[in-house]
Amino acid sequence: MSKIKAVAYVRVSTKEQSLDRQKEEIQKYANENDYIIEKYFEDKVSSMKVSIDKRTGFNRLKKYLFDDNIKAKTLLVHEVSRLGRKNFEVQNVIEEFSQKRVNIHIMDMKQSTLNENGIKSPESNIIISILASMAENENRVLSDRIKGGLLSSAKKGFAFSSKITGYKKGEDKKPQVDEKEASIVRRIYELAESDTTLYFISKAIQEEFGKEINSKTISGIVKNPFYKGDRKYLEETIPVPPLVTKETWNKANEFLNKRKVFTKRYQVNVNVVEGKIECYNCGNPMYQVVIKKGRSNMFKCSKKCSKVTVNRPWLYEMIRYVVEKHTKKVNDEKFKNDLSKQIKENEQLEADLRKEKDKAESAQLRNYDMFLKEKVSGAIYEKMDKIHVDEINNISLQFNECLKKNRII
C-alpha cells in the first residue's frame, strides 16, 4: 500500500505549554497507519479567545494545502478540539476543506471527513459534530468552574493581581495599601476634586512625584471604584481597604462627567450666544435648534429636559439673565481666583506645546539630513516624514485651540 502524504496541525492554549507530546503521538500514528507527514503547522493560542481565522499557523496551513501544486491533501490533527472548541467553527472548517478536496483525519477517533473517493462522509461528520459540541460544552463548564473558583477566592480577599496603582500583594496574598504609590493616587483625587483638568493633574504628578502618568491612565484611576473600597470582580462588589472616601471619589467623578458633557459636539446653526444660555429647570446649556420647514427657531436643553424650549421672544430675556449672572460672577473672589488659575494653566499648556512642536520639527530635519547623507532609504525617509508631519499638524491644532482659549479668557 502506498503511503498517504499529509501535513499535521498541533495547537496548545498557552505559550508555556509544549507541543512535543502532540507531535510525538501524531508521528507514531502516522508511522503505524501509512502516513508521511511532510510538514507541521502549529499555534499557541486559546481557541476560545482567538477565532480560527486569526490563528497564524492555521492560516499558513490553509495557504499550503489549498495550493494546487501541493500533492499532500490530508490534514492530521490529534483530536477535534485542536481545530477549535466552538462547534460552528469546526463545521465551517470541515465544509471549507471539503470544497477544496482536502481530507481532515481526526487521529484519536480514526475518523476522516472525506471517503476514499474524496466525497464528504456523512457518518464521520455527524460523529465529529457531536464531539465538537461536547468539546464546546466541556470548555463552557470548565470556564464556569474557573470563574466560580476565582470569585470564591476573591470574596476571601485573594485572586488579586497587584497591578492596581496604590496597592500591593501582601504575604497573605490579599491587597494591601502601598503607601508610596497611595500618596500619588490620593493627590490625583485631591486635584480632580478641585476641578483640575486631567492634563494638569498629569503635570502636577510629574512635578511633585517625578512620575509620568498620562491623562488616560489618570482618568482610569479616578473612575475605578477600587479606590473607594469597592472591588468589582465578575459582577460582584467585594470590600477592600479604601484609599479615598466615597465622598471624594464621587466629587472627582462628578467633575469628570461634567468635562465629558462640556466637550460634546452639537450640530446647530451659527449662534452668537451658543452655550451661554442655561436651562431654567436643570441649569445645563441650551442649544439652538432650527427647523426650516416649520419656520421654528428655538433653544433646547442639552440634557434630559426635552420639553424645556425657549423661542425667539424669550431670547432677550435670557441674554439679560446671562449678563447679570456673569456680572455677579466677575465680582466674586472665588471666580477671580479660578480664572487666574485657568489662565496660568493655559499659558503653561501653550509653552509645552511650543516645546513639543520644536522637538518634532527638529526630528523632521534630522530625518531629512539622514536621507541626504544616504544613511536611510527613501521609503524609510517618507514613512518617518509622514509621522513627523502628522505629529506637527496635531500639535499645531492643539496650539491653535489653546490660543483661542487664551483669547476667550
Protein backbone atom coordinates (compact mmCIF):
# COMPACT_ATOMS: atom_id res chain seq x y z
CA MET A 1 0.00 0.00 0.00
CA SER A 2 1.38 3.43 -0.99
CA LYS A 3 1.78 5.89 1.83
CA ILE A 4 -0.50 8.94 2.07
CA LYS A 5 1.17 12.34 2.03
CA ALA A 6 -0.17 14.57 4.80
CA VAL A 7 0.51 17.60 6.96
CA ALA A 8 -0.22 17.90 10.68
CA TYR A 9 -1.67 20.69 12.80
CA VAL A 10 -0.89 20.96 16.51
CA ARG A 11 -2.17 23.55 18.98
CA VAL A 12 -1.93 24.37 22.69
CA SER A 13 -3.76 27.14 24.56
CA THR A 14 -0.81 29.00 26.14
CA LYS A 15 2.77 29.85 25.22
CA GLU A 16 4.02 27.98 28.31
CA GLN A 17 2.62 24.64 27.10
CA SER A 18 4.66 22.28 24.93
CA LEU A 19 3.65 20.93 21.52
CA ASP A 20 6.05 17.98 21.71
CA ARG A 21 3.56 15.42 23.07
CA GLN A 22 1.07 16.03 20.25
CA LYS A 23 3.82 15.84 17.62
CA GLU A 24 5.20 12.59 19.06
CA GLU A 25 1.78 10.91 19.16
CA ILE A 26 0.86 12.10 15.66
CA GLN A 27 4.19 10.88 14.27
CA LYS A 28 3.73 7.49 15.91
CA TYR A 29 0.19 7.25 14.50
CA ALA A 30 1.43 8.23 11.03
CA ASN A 31 4.12 5.54 11.08
CA GLU A 32 1.59 2.88 12.06
CA ASN A 33 -1.06 3.94 9.50
CA ASP A 34 0.96 4.61 6.35
CA TYR A 35 1.01 8.42 6.51
CA ILE A 36 4.04 10.54 5.55
CA ILE A 37 3.97 13.89 7.34
CA GLU A 38 5.57 16.47 5.09
CA LYS A 39 5.14 19.48 7.35
CA TYR A 40 3.91 20.53 10.81
CA PHE A 41 1.91 23.71 11.42
CA GLU A 42 1.45 24.95 14.95
CA ASP A 43 -0.29 27.59 17.09
CA LYS A 44 -0.03 28.57 20.74
CA VAL A 45 -3.36 30.32 21.25
CA SER A 46 -6.62 29.72 23.09
CA SER A 47 -9.40 28.60 20.76
CA MET A 48 -11.94 30.43 22.96
CA LYS A 49 -10.07 33.74 22.87
CA VAL A 50 -8.78 33.74 19.28
CA SER A 51 -11.04 32.76 16.37
CA ILE A 52 -9.72 30.17 13.94
CA ASP A 53 -9.37 32.65 11.05
CA LYS A 54 -6.95 34.75 13.11
CA ARG A 55 -4.52 31.94 14.00
CA THR A 56 -1.20 32.48 12.24
CA GLY A 57 -0.21 28.82 11.99
CA PHE A 58 -3.64 27.69 10.79
CA ASN A 59 -3.73 30.37 8.09
CA ARG A 60 -0.32 29.22 6.83
CA LEU A 61 -1.66 25.66 6.84
CA LYS A 62 -4.65 26.63 4.67
CA LYS A 63 -2.47 28.51 2.20
CA TYR A 64 -0.20 25.46 1.91
CA LEU A 65 -2.92 22.82 1.49
CA PHE A 66 -5.08 24.92 -0.87
CA ASP A 67 -2.16 25.36 -3.27
CA ASP A 68 -2.87 23.25 -6.40
CA ASN A 69 0.85 22.44 -6.73
CA ILE A 70 0.93 20.72 -3.34
CA LYS A 71 0.20 16.99 -3.55
CA ALA A 72 -0.48 16.48 0.15
CA LYS A 73 -4.25 16.83 0.60
CA THR A 74 -4.72 15.27 4.04
CA LEU A 75 -4.60 17.08 7.38
CA LEU A 76 -3.85 15.11 10.57
CA VAL A 77 -4.98 16.52 13.92
CA HIS A 78 -4.67 14.89 17.34
CA GLU A 79 -8.31 15.48 18.31
CA VAL A 80 -11.23 17.64 17.14
CA SER A 81 -10.71 20.24 19.88
CA ARG A 82 -7.34 21.14 18.30
CA LEU A 83 -9.30 22.66 15.43
CA GLY A 84 -11.49 24.55 17.87
CA ARG A 85 -13.82 24.36 20.85
CA LYS A 86 -16.71 26.05 19.05
CA ASN A 87 -18.89 23.70 17.06
CA PHE A 88 -19.79 26.20 14.32
CA GLU A 89 -16.08 26.95 13.70
CA VAL A 90 -15.23 23.25 13.37
CA GLN A 91 -18.14 22.70 10.95
CA ASN A 92 -17.10 25.72 8.85
CA VAL A 93 -13.53 24.36 8.61
CA ILE A 94 -14.77 20.91 7.56
CA GLU A 95 -17.01 22.44 4.87
CA GLU A 96 -14.27 24.74 3.55
CA PHE A 97 -11.68 21.94 3.41
CA SER A 98 -14.16 19.53 1.81
CA GLN A 99 -14.84 22.00 -1.01
CA LYS A 100 -11.09 22.15 -1.64
CA ARG A 101 -10.95 18.32 -1.62
CA VAL A 102 -8.77 18.33 1.49
CA ASN A 103 -9.41 15.50 3.93
CA ILE A 104 -9.22 16.09 7.70
CA HIS A 105 -8.34 12.97 9.69
CA ILE A 106 -9.07 13.07 13.44
CA MET A 107 -6.43 10.79 14.97
CA ASP A 108 -7.93 9.91 18.37
CA MET A 109 -11.17 8.56 16.88
CA LYS A 110 -9.79 7.47 13.49
CA GLN A 111 -12.40 9.44 11.52
CA SER A 112 -11.93 11.23 8.18
CA THR A 113 -14.13 13.95 6.72
CA LEU A 114 -13.78 12.56 3.16
CA ASN A 115 -14.06 8.94 1.99
CA GLU A 116 -11.67 7.16 -0.37
CA ASN A 117 -13.40 8.78 -3.38
CA GLY A 118 -12.90 12.29 -1.99
CA ILE A 119 -16.60 12.66 -1.11
CA LYS A 120 -17.81 14.10 2.18
CA SER A 121 -18.61 11.34 4.67
CA PRO A 122 -22.00 11.93 6.41
CA GLU A 123 -21.29 9.39 9.18
CA SER A 124 -17.94 10.95 10.09
CA ASN A 125 -19.38 14.47 10.02
CA ILE A 126 -22.13 13.50 12.47
CA ILE A 127 -19.60 11.98 14.87
CA ILE A 128 -17.25 14.96 14.55
CA SER A 129 -20.15 17.39 15.09
CA ILE A 130 -21.17 15.56 18.28
CA LEU A 131 -17.60 15.58 19.59
CA ALA A 132 -17.17 19.27 18.70
CA SER A 133 -20.37 20.08 20.62
CA MET A 134 -19.07 18.08 23.59
CA ALA A 135 -15.75 19.96 23.46
CA GLU A 136 -17.61 23.27 23.37
CA ASN A 137 -19.80 22.30 26.32
CA GLU A 138 -16.80 20.94 28.24
CA ASN A 139 -14.99 24.23 27.76
CA ARG A 140 -18.06 26.19 28.91
CA VAL A 141 -18.40 24.08 32.05
CA LEU A 142 -14.69 24.41 32.76
CA SER A 143 -14.89 28.19 32.27
CA ASP A 144 -17.83 28.41 34.72
CA ARG A 145 -15.93 26.33 37.28
CA ILE A 146 -12.85 28.53 36.94
CA LYS A 147 -14.93 31.70 37.29
CA GLY A 148 -16.72 30.25 40.31
CA GLY A 149 -13.40 29.31 41.92
CA LEU A 150 -11.89 32.71 41.23
CA LEU A 151 -14.95 34.50 42.61
CA SER A 152 -14.86 32.39 45.76
CA SER A 153 -11.16 33.19 46.13
CA ALA A 154 -11.78 36.91 45.51
CA LYS A 155 -14.50 37.03 48.18
CA LYS A 156 -11.91 35.80 50.66
CA GLY A 157 -9.60 38.62 49.57
CA PHE A 158 -7.46 36.57 47.16
CA ALA A 159 -7.23 36.46 43.32
CA PHE A 160 -5.52 39.85 43.37
CA SER A 161 -3.15 40.68 40.50
CA SER A 162 -1.35 43.57 42.29
CA LYS A 163 -1.44 45.67 39.09
CA ILE A 164 -3.60 48.41 40.63
CA THR A 165 -1.61 51.55 41.42
CA GLY A 166 -1.55 52.18 45.15
CA TYR A 167 -1.85 48.53 46.19
CA LYS A 168 0.49 45.57 46.54
CA LYS A 169 0.00 41.88 47.26
CA GLY A 170 0.62 41.14 50.93
CA GLU A 171 2.15 37.99 52.40
CA ASP A 172 -1.38 36.65 52.84
CA LYS A 173 -1.96 37.21 49.05
CA LYS A 174 -4.56 39.88 49.83
CA PRO A 175 -4.44 43.50 48.55
CA GLN A 176 -2.55 45.85 50.87
CA VAL A 177 -2.13 49.62 50.59
CA ASP A 178 1.24 50.61 49.12
CA GLU A 179 1.78 53.92 50.91
CA LYS A 180 4.41 55.14 48.42
CA GLU A 181 2.01 54.89 45.46
CA ALA A 182 -1.09 55.55 47.56
CA SER A 183 0.06 59.13 48.13
CA ILE A 184 0.12 59.66 44.34
CA VAL A 185 -3.42 58.27 43.98
CA ARG A 186 -4.73 60.45 46.83
CA ARG A 187 -3.13 63.51 45.22
CA ILE A 188 -4.81 62.66 41.89
CA TYR A 189 -8.21 62.57 43.61
CA GLU A 190 -7.46 65.76 45.52
CA LEU A 191 -6.70 67.60 42.27
CA ALA A 192 -9.70 66.12 40.44
CA GLU A 193 -11.93 67.05 43.35
CA SER A 194 -10.76 70.68 42.99
CA ASP A 195 -11.73 70.70 39.26
CA THR A 196 -8.21 70.36 37.85
CA THR A 197 -8.16 69.02 34.29
CA LEU A 198 -6.55 65.65 33.54
CA TYR A 199 -3.70 67.25 31.61
CA PHE A 200 -2.68 69.45 34.53
CA ILE A 201 -3.17 66.63 37.04
CA SER A 202 -0.59 64.73 34.97
CA LYS A 203 1.76 67.76 35.03
CA ALA A 204 1.34 68.17 38.80
CA ILE A 205 2.08 64.48 39.49
CA GLN A 206 5.21 64.67 37.37
CA GLU A 207 6.42 67.81 39.16
CA GLU A 208 5.57 66.64 42.69
CA PHE A 209 6.43 62.93 42.47
CA GLY A 210 8.68 62.69 39.41
CA LYS A 211 6.35 60.09 37.86
CA GLU A 212 4.85 60.28 34.39
CA ILE A 213 1.19 59.24 34.26
CA ASN A 214 -0.77 60.11 31.12
CA SER A 215 -4.26 61.61 31.13
CA LYS A 216 -5.95 58.37 30.05
CA THR A 217 -4.41 56.44 32.95
CA ILE A 218 -5.41 59.17 35.40
CA SER A 219 -8.99 59.04 34.10
CA GLY A 220 -9.00 55.27 34.66
CA ILE A 221 -7.72 55.71 38.23
CA VAL A 222 -10.38 58.32 39.06
CA LYS A 223 -13.18 56.13 37.65
CA ASN A 224 -12.02 52.92 39.38
CA PRO A 225 -14.29 52.15 42.38
CA PHE A 226 -11.47 50.04 43.87
CA TYR A 227 -10.06 53.23 45.42
CA LYS A 228 -13.23 53.93 47.41
CA GLY A 229 -13.13 50.37 48.77
CA ASP A 230 -15.42 48.65 46.25
CA ARG A 231 -13.60 45.96 44.29
CA LYS A 232 -15.57 44.90 41.20
CA TYR A 233 -14.91 41.25 40.34
CA LEU A 234 -17.04 39.14 37.97
CA GLU A 235 -20.04 41.45 38.54
CA GLU A 236 -19.66 41.19 42.32
CA THR A 237 -18.63 44.01 44.69
CA ILE A 238 -16.05 42.96 47.28
CA PRO A 239 -14.85 45.34 50.05
CA VAL A 240 -11.13 46.27 50.08
CA PRO A 241 -9.08 48.85 52.05
CA PRO A 242 -10.04 52.25 50.52
CA LEU A 243 -7.54 54.98 49.58
CA VAL A 244 -10.11 57.80 49.42
CA THR A 245 -13.53 58.43 50.93
CA LYS A 246 -16.65 57.75 48.89
CA GLU A 247 -17.45 61.47 49.03
CA THR A 248 -14.06 62.33 47.47
CA TRP A 249 -14.49 59.63 44.82
CA ASN A 250 -17.97 60.92 43.91
CA LYS A 251 -16.82 64.56 43.66
CA ALA A 252 -13.87 63.63 41.44
CA ASN A 253 -16.13 61.62 39.13
CA GLU A 254 -18.74 64.38 39.02
CA PHE A 255 -16.02 66.68 37.67
CA LEU A 256 -15.01 64.13 35.01
CA ASN A 257 -18.64 63.72 33.92
CA LYS A 258 -19.07 67.50 33.63
CA ARG A 259 -15.99 67.67 31.42
CA LYS A 260 -17.43 64.90 29.24
CA VAL A 261 -20.68 66.80 28.73
CA PHE A 262 -18.78 70.03 28.06
CA THR A 263 -16.69 68.51 25.27
CA LYS A 264 -19.65 67.10 23.31
CA ARG A 265 -20.21 68.49 19.80
CA TYR A 266 -23.62 69.71 18.71
CA GLN A 267 -24.63 70.41 15.10
CA VAL A 268 -26.54 73.73 15.14
CA ASN A 269 -26.86 76.88 13.07
CA VAL A 270 -24.47 79.76 13.72
CA ASN A 271 -25.43 81.22 17.07
CA VAL A 272 -23.60 84.12 18.72
CA VAL A 273 -24.83 83.13 22.20
CA GLU A 274 -24.14 79.38 21.82
CA GLY A 275 -23.62 77.71 25.19
CA LYS A 276 -24.30 80.92 27.12
CA ILE A 277 -28.00 80.27 27.78
CA GLU A 278 -28.80 77.87 30.60
CA CYS A 279 -31.86 75.72 31.17
CA TYR A 280 -34.03 77.28 33.87
CA ASN A 281 -35.03 73.79 35.03
CA CYS A 282 -31.66 71.99 35.42
CA GLY A 283 -29.00 74.62 34.69
CA ASN A 284 -27.43 72.83 31.71
CA PRO A 285 -26.58 74.68 28.47
CA MET A 286 -29.32 75.23 25.91
CA TYR A 287 -28.54 74.95 22.20
CA GLN A 288 -30.21 76.44 19.17
CA VAL A 289 -32.39 74.12 17.09
CA VAL A 290 -33.57 75.40 13.71
CA ILE A 291 -36.34 73.62 11.82
CA LYS A 292 -36.54 75.36 8.47
CA LYS A 293 -39.70 73.65 7.24
CA GLY A 294 -41.59 74.52 10.41
CA ARG A 295 -40.10 78.03 10.48
CA SER A 296 -39.05 77.31 14.02
CA ASN A 297 -36.02 78.71 15.82
CA MET A 298 -35.73 77.72 19.45
CA PHE A 299 -33.32 76.92 22.24
CA LYS A 300 -33.47 73.38 23.64
CA CYS A 301 -31.94 71.88 26.79
CA SER A 302 -28.89 69.69 26.07
CA LYS A 303 -29.79 67.19 28.79
CA LYS A 304 -32.96 65.29 29.73
CA CYS A 305 -35.35 68.27 29.91
CA SER A 306 -36.58 67.52 26.38
CA LYS A 307 -39.74 69.63 26.82
CA VAL A 308 -37.86 72.70 28.01
CA THR A 309 -37.51 75.00 24.98
CA VAL A 310 -37.21 78.77 24.57
CA ASN A 311 -38.32 80.53 21.41
CA ARG A 312 -37.20 83.86 19.93
CA PRO A 313 -39.32 86.22 22.13
CA TRP A 314 -37.55 84.77 25.16
CA LEU A 315 -34.10 85.36 23.69
CA TYR A 316 -33.53 88.89 25.01
CA GLU A 317 -34.73 87.96 28.48
CA MET A 318 -32.33 85.01 28.59
CA ILE A 319 -29.42 87.14 27.40
CA ARG A 320 -30.14 89.68 30.11
CA TYR A 321 -30.19 86.84 32.66
CA VAL A 322 -26.82 85.53 31.50
CA VAL A 323 -25.25 89.00 31.52
CA GLU A 324 -26.44 89.65 35.06
CA LYS A 325 -25.20 86.27 36.22
CA HIS A 326 -21.83 86.85 34.57
CA THR A 327 -21.51 90.28 36.21
CA LYS A 328 -22.14 88.69 39.59
CA LYS A 329 -19.51 86.05 38.84
CA VAL A 330 -16.88 88.62 37.85
CA ASN A 331 -17.20 90.34 41.21
CA ASP A 332 -16.89 87.02 43.06
CA GLU A 333 -13.46 86.43 44.64
CA LYS A 334 -13.52 82.67 44.03
CA PHE A 335 -14.31 83.22 40.36
CA LYS A 336 -11.36 85.58 40.07
CA ASN A 337 -9.03 83.01 41.65
CA ASP A 338 -10.35 80.22 39.41
CA LEU A 339 -9.92 82.43 36.34
CA SER A 340 -6.36 83.27 37.35
CA LYS A 341 -5.62 79.56 37.79
CA GLN A 342 -7.13 78.78 34.39
CA ILE A 343 -5.01 81.47 32.71
CA LYS A 344 -1.88 80.04 34.32
CA GLU A 345 -2.75 76.50 33.18
CA ASN A 346 -3.40 77.62 29.60
CA GLU A 347 -0.15 79.59 29.49
CA GLN A 348 1.72 76.50 30.71
CA LEU A 349 -0.01 74.36 28.08
CA GLU A 350 0.91 76.86 25.37
CA ALA A 351 4.58 76.76 26.43
CA ASP A 352 4.60 72.94 26.48
CA LEU A 353 3.07 72.75 23.00
CA ARG A 354 5.72 75.14 21.67
CA LYS A 355 8.45 72.83 23.03
CA GLU A 356 6.76 69.74 21.55
CA LYS A 357 6.48 71.42 18.15
CA ASP A 358 10.16 72.48 18.19
CA LYS A 359 11.16 68.93 19.12
CA ALA A 360 9.05 67.41 16.31
CA GLU A 361 10.41 69.87 13.72
CA SER A 362 13.99 69.10 14.80
CA ALA A 363 13.30 65.37 14.39
CA GLN A 364 11.90 66.03 10.92
CA LEU A 365 15.06 67.95 9.93
CA ARG A 366 17.29 65.17 11.29
CA ASN A 367 15.38 62.63 9.20
CA TYR A 368 15.87 64.80 6.08
CA ASP A 369 19.58 65.18 6.84
CA MET A 370 19.96 61.39 7.21
CA PHE A 371 18.25 60.95 3.83
CA LEU A 372 20.56 63.47 2.13
CA LYS A 373 23.57 61.64 3.57
CA GLU A 374 22.09 58.36 2.24
CA LYS A 375 22.01 56.86 5.73
CA VAL A 376 18.35 55.89 5.33
CA SER A 377 16.41 54.70 2.29
CA GLY A 378 13.80 56.79 0.51
CA ALA A 379 10.99 54.56 1.78
CA ILE A 380 12.06 54.93 5.43
CA TYR A 381 12.52 58.68 4.95
CA GLU A 382 9.00 59.09 3.54
CA LYS A 383 7.47 56.94 6.27
CA MET A 384 9.21 58.89 9.06
CA ASP A 385 8.49 62.23 7.38
CA LYS A 386 4.76 61.41 7.29
CA ILE A 387 4.90 60.56 11.03
CA HIS A 388 6.63 63.89 11.77
CA VAL A 389 4.20 65.87 9.59
CA ASP A 390 1.18 64.26 11.30
CA GLU A 391 2.67 64.95 14.72
CA ILE A 392 3.41 68.62 13.86
CA ASN A 393 -0.11 69.10 12.43
CA ASN A 394 -1.66 67.57 15.55
CA ILE A 395 0.42 69.82 17.82
CA SER A 396 -0.49 72.85 15.67
CA LEU A 397 -4.21 72.05 16.05
CA GLN A 398 -3.83 71.81 19.83
CA PHE A 399 -1.78 75.01 19.85
CA ASN A 400 -4.43 76.93 17.89
CA GLU A 401 -7.15 75.67 20.24
CA CYS A 402 -5.04 76.81 23.17
CA LEU A 403 -4.61 80.29 21.64
CA LYS A 404 -8.38 80.54 21.13
CA LYS A 405 -8.99 79.67 24.77
CA ASN A 406 -6.43 82.23 25.88
CA ARG A 407 -8.14 84.92 23.81
CA ILE A 408 -11.57 84.00 25.25
CA ILE A 409 -10.22 84.14 28.80
